[in-house]
Structure formats: C-alpha cells, structure tokens
C-alpha cells in the first residue's frame, strides 16, 4: 500500500504545488492527476488481498471396524473447500 500512497502524494504535489510549466511539452497538472489515479489504483489493488483456495478430502475413520457397512454407516469422503484471504 505504501507505493500507492507515495505515487498519489507525488501526483498531488505535481497537481497542486508546481506552478511552472515548460513550453507546452509537459503539463504538470495532467501528470499529477494521472499519478493520483495510478496511486489510487495501487491502493485499491493492495487492499483486495490475495485469495487462495484449497480442496481438502477427508475420509472419516469408522466408529466400529467390525460393524457391517451399510448405506448409512459407510465411510463417505468429505470434501471441504477452504478459502484463505491474506491482507497485507
């Protein structure tokens, strides 16, 4: 997030503090607005974080290994989808 804030601050300086302009080559206000937009996009992108998804399949252990296996007592695999989000 720090690079986005830095770029936005530099853009604000160009937009609001710089009063000189070379002869038609560079308009500092336009450059400043572009840098502020780029900084805002960098901040937004860093706030989204990183999302990872993993699928875990577990087969539960039987309660009684000597018991007859029927349709209700069979060991059915359990699938879990775990989503992890990191915010920096």
N, C-alpha and C. Protein backbone atom coordinates (compact mmCIF):
# COMPACT_ATOMS: atom_id res chain seq x y z
N UNK A 1 0.82 -1.18 0.00
CA UNK A 1 0.00 0.00 0.00
C UNK A 1 0.87 1.25 0.00
N UNK A 2 2.06 1.17 0.53
CA UNK A 2 2.95 2.33 0.60
C UNK A 2 3.32 2.88 -0.77
N UNK A 3 3.58 2.05 -1.79
CA UNK A 3 3.87 2.63 -3.10
C UNK A 3 2.70 3.42 -3.67
N UNK A 4 1.49 2.96 -3.44
CA UNK A 4 0.32 3.68 -3.94
C UNK A 4 0.17 5.03 -3.28
N UNK A 5 0.39 5.09 -1.98
CA UNK A 5 0.30 6.37 -1.27
C UNK A 5 1.40 7.31 -1.75
N UNK A 6 2.59 6.77 -1.95
CA UNK A 6 3.70 7.60 -2.42
C UNK A 6 3.41 8.18 -3.80
N UNK A 7 2.92 7.36 -4.70
CA UNK A 7 2.60 7.83 -6.05
C UNK A 7 1.48 8.86 -6.00
N UNK A 8 0.48 8.65 -5.16
CA UNK A 8 -0.62 9.60 -5.05
C UNK A 8 -0.15 10.94 -4.47
N UNK A 9 0.75 10.90 -3.50
CA UNK A 9 1.27 12.14 -2.91
C UNK A 9 2.11 12.90 -3.93
N UNK A 10 2.93 12.21 -4.68
CA UNK A 10 3.72 12.87 -5.73
C UNK A 10 2.79 13.48 -6.78
N UNK A 11 1.73 12.77 -7.12
CA UNK A 11 0.76 13.32 -8.06
C UNK A 11 0.06 14.55 -7.52
N UNK A 12 -0.26 14.56 -6.22
CA UNK A 12 -0.88 15.74 -5.62
C UNK A 12 0.09 16.92 -5.61
N UNK A 13 1.34 16.66 -5.38
CA UNK A 13 2.34 17.74 -5.42
C UNK A 13 2.41 18.33 -6.83
N UNK A 14 2.46 17.47 -7.84
CA UNK A 14 2.50 17.97 -9.22
C UNK A 14 1.23 18.74 -9.57
N UNK A 15 0.09 18.28 -9.07
CA UNK A 15 -1.17 18.92 -9.43
C UNK A 15 -1.35 20.25 -8.73
N UNK A 16 -1.08 20.30 -7.43
CA UNK A 16 -1.45 21.47 -6.65
C UNK A 16 -0.30 22.40 -6.27
N UNK A 17 0.95 21.93 -6.31
CA UNK A 17 2.05 22.75 -5.81
C UNK A 17 2.96 23.28 -6.91
N UNK A 18 3.10 22.57 -7.99
CA UNK A 18 4.02 23.00 -9.05
C UNK A 18 3.30 24.03 -9.92
N UNK A 19 3.89 25.20 -10.02
CA UNK A 19 3.26 26.29 -10.79
C UNK A 19 3.96 26.55 -12.12
N UNK A 20 5.16 26.05 -12.30
CA UNK A 20 5.86 26.29 -13.55
C UNK A 20 5.50 25.22 -14.57
N UNK A 21 5.59 25.57 -15.82
CA UNK A 21 5.32 24.61 -16.87
C UNK A 21 6.25 24.88 -18.04
N UNK A 22 6.97 23.88 -18.51
CA UNK A 22 7.82 24.10 -19.67
C UNK A 22 6.96 24.48 -20.88
N UNK A 23 7.60 24.96 -21.90
CA UNK A 23 6.86 25.49 -23.05
C UNK A 23 6.08 24.41 -23.77
N UNK A 24 4.91 24.08 -23.27
CA UNK A 24 3.98 23.19 -23.95
C UNK A 24 4.36 21.73 -24.00
N UNK A 25 5.48 21.34 -23.45
CA UNK A 25 5.89 19.94 -23.55
C UNK A 25 5.17 19.08 -22.51
N UNK A 26 5.20 19.52 -21.26
CA UNK A 26 4.62 18.73 -20.18
C UNK A 26 3.66 19.62 -19.39
N UNK A 27 2.45 19.15 -19.20
CA UNK A 27 1.51 19.83 -18.33
C UNK A 27 1.54 19.10 -16.99
N UNK A 28 2.11 19.75 -15.96
CA UNK A 28 2.32 19.10 -14.68
C UNK A 28 1.01 18.73 -14.00
N UNK A 29 -0.04 19.50 -14.25
CA UNK A 29 -1.33 19.17 -13.64
C UNK A 29 -1.88 17.85 -14.19
N UNK A 30 -1.74 17.66 -15.49
CA UNK A 30 -2.21 16.41 -16.09
C UNK A 30 -1.38 15.24 -15.58
N UNK A 31 -0.07 15.42 -15.50
CA UNK A 31 0.80 14.38 -14.97
C UNK A 31 0.42 14.07 -13.53
N UNK A 32 0.15 15.10 -12.74
CA UNK A 32 -0.24 14.90 -11.35
C UNK A 32 -1.54 14.13 -11.21
N UNK A 33 -2.54 14.46 -12.03
CA UNK A 33 -3.82 13.75 -11.98
C UNK A 33 -3.63 12.29 -12.37
N UNK A 34 -2.83 12.05 -13.39
CA UNK A 34 -2.56 10.66 -13.81
C UNK A 34 -1.87 9.89 -12.68
N UNK A 35 -0.91 10.51 -12.01
CA UNK A 35 -0.22 9.84 -10.90
C UNK A 35 -1.16 9.60 -9.72
N UNK A 36 -2.07 10.54 -9.44
CA UNK A 36 -3.02 10.32 -8.35
C UNK A 36 -3.96 9.16 -8.66
N UNK A 37 -4.40 9.06 -9.91
CA UNK A 37 -5.27 7.94 -10.30
C UNK A 37 -4.49 6.62 -10.21
N UNK A 38 -3.25 6.63 -10.66
CA UNK A 38 -2.43 5.42 -10.58
C UNK A 38 -2.19 5.03 -9.11
N UNK A 39 -1.96 6.00 -8.25
CA UNK A 39 -1.78 5.72 -6.83
C UNK A 39 -3.04 5.14 -6.21
N UNK A 40 -4.21 5.69 -6.59
CA UNK A 40 -5.47 5.17 -6.06
C UNK A 40 -5.68 3.72 -6.52
N UNK A 41 -5.33 3.43 -7.76
CA UNK A 41 -5.47 2.05 -8.26
C UNK A 41 -4.51 1.10 -7.53
N UNK A 42 -3.31 1.57 -7.23
CA UNK A 42 -2.37 0.73 -6.48
C UNK A 42 -2.88 0.47 -5.06
N UNK A 43 -3.45 1.49 -4.43
CA UNK A 43 -4.00 1.31 -3.09
C UNK A 43 -5.16 0.32 -3.14
N UNK A 44 -6.06 0.49 -4.11
CA UNK A 44 -7.21 -0.42 -4.24
C UNK A 44 -6.76 -1.85 -4.48
N UNK A 45 -5.76 -2.01 -5.34
CA UNK A 45 -5.28 -3.35 -5.66
C UNK A 45 -4.64 -4.01 -4.44
N UNK A 46 -3.91 -3.25 -3.63
CA UNK A 46 -3.27 -3.85 -2.46
C UNK A 46 -4.29 -4.15 -1.37
N UNK A 47 -5.42 -3.44 -1.32
CA UNK A 47 -6.44 -3.69 -0.31
C UNK A 47 -7.26 -4.94 -0.61
N UNK A 48 -7.27 -5.36 -1.86
CA UNK A 48 -8.03 -6.56 -2.22
C UNK A 48 -7.45 -7.81 -1.58
N UNK A 49 -6.15 -7.84 -1.41
CA UNK A 49 -5.52 -9.01 -0.80
C UNK A 49 -5.35 -10.14 -1.80
N UNK A 50 -4.90 -11.26 -1.28
CA UNK A 50 -4.66 -12.45 -2.08
C UNK A 50 -5.61 -13.54 -1.60
N UNK A 51 -6.27 -14.19 -2.53
CA UNK A 51 -7.18 -15.27 -2.18
C UNK A 51 -6.64 -16.58 -2.71
N UNK A 52 -6.54 -17.55 -1.82
CA UNK A 52 -6.12 -18.89 -2.22
C UNK A 52 -7.25 -19.85 -1.87
N UNK A 53 -7.41 -20.84 -2.69
CA UNK A 53 -8.45 -21.83 -2.44
C UNK A 53 -7.80 -23.21 -2.48
N UNK A 54 -8.14 -24.02 -1.49
CA UNK A 54 -7.63 -25.38 -1.49
C UNK A 54 -8.78 -26.32 -1.16
N UNK A 55 -8.70 -27.51 -1.72
CA UNK A 55 -9.74 -28.52 -1.52
C UNK A 55 -9.14 -29.64 -0.69
N UNK A 56 -9.80 -29.95 0.42
CA UNK A 56 -9.34 -31.00 1.32
C UNK A 56 -10.36 -32.12 1.29
N UNK A 57 -9.91 -33.35 1.06
CA UNK A 57 -10.79 -34.52 1.08
C UNK A 57 -10.40 -35.36 2.28
N UNK A 58 -11.39 -35.60 3.15
CA UNK A 58 -11.15 -36.40 4.34
C UNK A 58 -12.05 -37.62 4.31
N UNK A 59 -11.49 -38.74 4.74
CA UNK A 59 -12.28 -39.97 4.90
C UNK A 59 -12.31 -40.26 6.39
N UNK A 60 -13.49 -40.14 7.00
CA UNK A 60 -13.55 -40.36 8.45
C UNK A 60 -13.28 -41.81 8.80
N UNK A 61 -12.68 -42.01 9.96
CA UNK A 61 -12.40 -43.36 10.44
C UNK A 61 -13.70 -44.02 10.88
N UNK A 62 -13.82 -45.32 10.65
CA UNK A 62 -15.05 -45.99 11.09
C UNK A 62 -15.16 -46.00 12.61
N UNK A 63 -16.39 -45.93 13.09
CA UNK A 63 -16.62 -45.96 14.52
C UNK A 63 -16.31 -47.35 15.06
N UNK A 64 -16.82 -48.36 14.39
CA UNK A 64 -16.59 -49.74 14.81
C UNK A 64 -16.14 -50.51 13.57
N UNK A 65 -14.88 -50.90 13.49
CA UNK A 65 -14.42 -51.58 12.28
C UNK A 65 -15.07 -52.95 12.07
N UNK A 66 -15.61 -53.58 13.12
CA UNK A 66 -16.23 -54.90 12.98
C UNK A 66 -17.70 -54.81 12.61
N UNK A 67 -18.28 -53.62 12.64
CA UNK A 67 -19.70 -53.47 12.33
C UNK A 67 -19.92 -53.61 10.83
N UNK A 68 -21.03 -54.19 10.42
CA UNK A 68 -21.30 -54.30 8.98
C UNK A 68 -21.52 -52.91 8.37
N UNK A 69 -20.99 -52.76 7.18
CA UNK A 69 -21.11 -51.47 6.50
C UNK A 69 -22.40 -51.43 5.70
N UNK A 70 -23.23 -50.49 5.99
CA UNK A 70 -24.46 -50.28 5.25
C UNK A 70 -24.43 -48.93 4.56
N UNK A 71 -25.51 -48.57 3.89
CA UNK A 71 -25.50 -47.29 3.18
C UNK A 71 -25.40 -46.09 4.12
N UNK A 72 -25.81 -46.24 5.36
CA UNK A 72 -25.75 -45.12 6.30
C UNK A 72 -24.42 -45.09 7.02
N UNK A 73 -23.85 -46.25 7.30
CA UNK A 73 -22.62 -46.30 8.08
C UNK A 73 -21.36 -46.38 7.23
N UNK A 74 -21.48 -46.30 5.91
CA UNK A 74 -20.28 -46.34 5.08
C UNK A 74 -19.44 -45.09 5.30
N UNK A 75 -18.17 -45.27 5.09
CA UNK A 75 -17.25 -44.13 5.20
C UNK A 75 -17.31 -43.32 3.90
N UNK A 76 -17.98 -42.22 3.97
CA UNK A 76 -18.10 -41.35 2.81
C UNK A 76 -17.02 -40.27 2.88
N UNK A 77 -16.32 -40.03 1.78
CA UNK A 77 -15.33 -38.95 1.80
C UNK A 77 -16.04 -37.59 1.96
N UNK A 78 -15.41 -36.74 2.70
CA UNK A 78 -15.94 -35.39 2.94
C UNK A 78 -15.01 -34.42 2.23
N UNK A 79 -15.58 -33.59 1.35
CA UNK A 79 -14.79 -32.59 0.65
C UNK A 79 -15.07 -31.23 1.25
N UNK A 80 -14.02 -30.51 1.54
CA UNK A 80 -14.13 -29.15 2.05
C UNK A 80 -13.37 -28.23 1.12
N UNK A 81 -13.97 -27.10 0.85
CA UNK A 81 -13.28 -26.06 0.08
C UNK A 81 -12.97 -24.94 1.06
N UNK A 82 -11.69 -24.68 1.23
CA UNK A 82 -11.24 -23.68 2.18
C UNK A 82 -10.68 -22.49 1.41
N UNK A 83 -11.25 -21.33 1.67
CA UNK A 83 -10.75 -20.11 1.04
C UNK A 83 -10.00 -19.30 2.09
N UNK A 84 -8.79 -18.93 1.74
CA UNK A 84 -7.95 -18.13 2.63
C UNK A 84 -7.70 -16.79 1.96
N UNK A 85 -7.82 -15.74 2.73
CA UNK A 85 -7.58 -14.40 2.19
C UNK A 85 -6.52 -13.73 3.04
N UNK A 86 -5.48 -13.23 2.38
CA UNK A 86 -4.41 -12.52 3.07
C UNK A 86 -4.55 -11.03 2.79
N UNK A 87 -4.52 -10.25 3.83
CA UNK A 87 -4.49 -8.79 3.69
C UNK A 87 -3.15 -8.30 4.18
N UNK A 88 -2.52 -7.51 3.37
CA UNK A 88 -1.20 -7.01 3.73
C UNK A 88 -1.28 -5.55 4.07
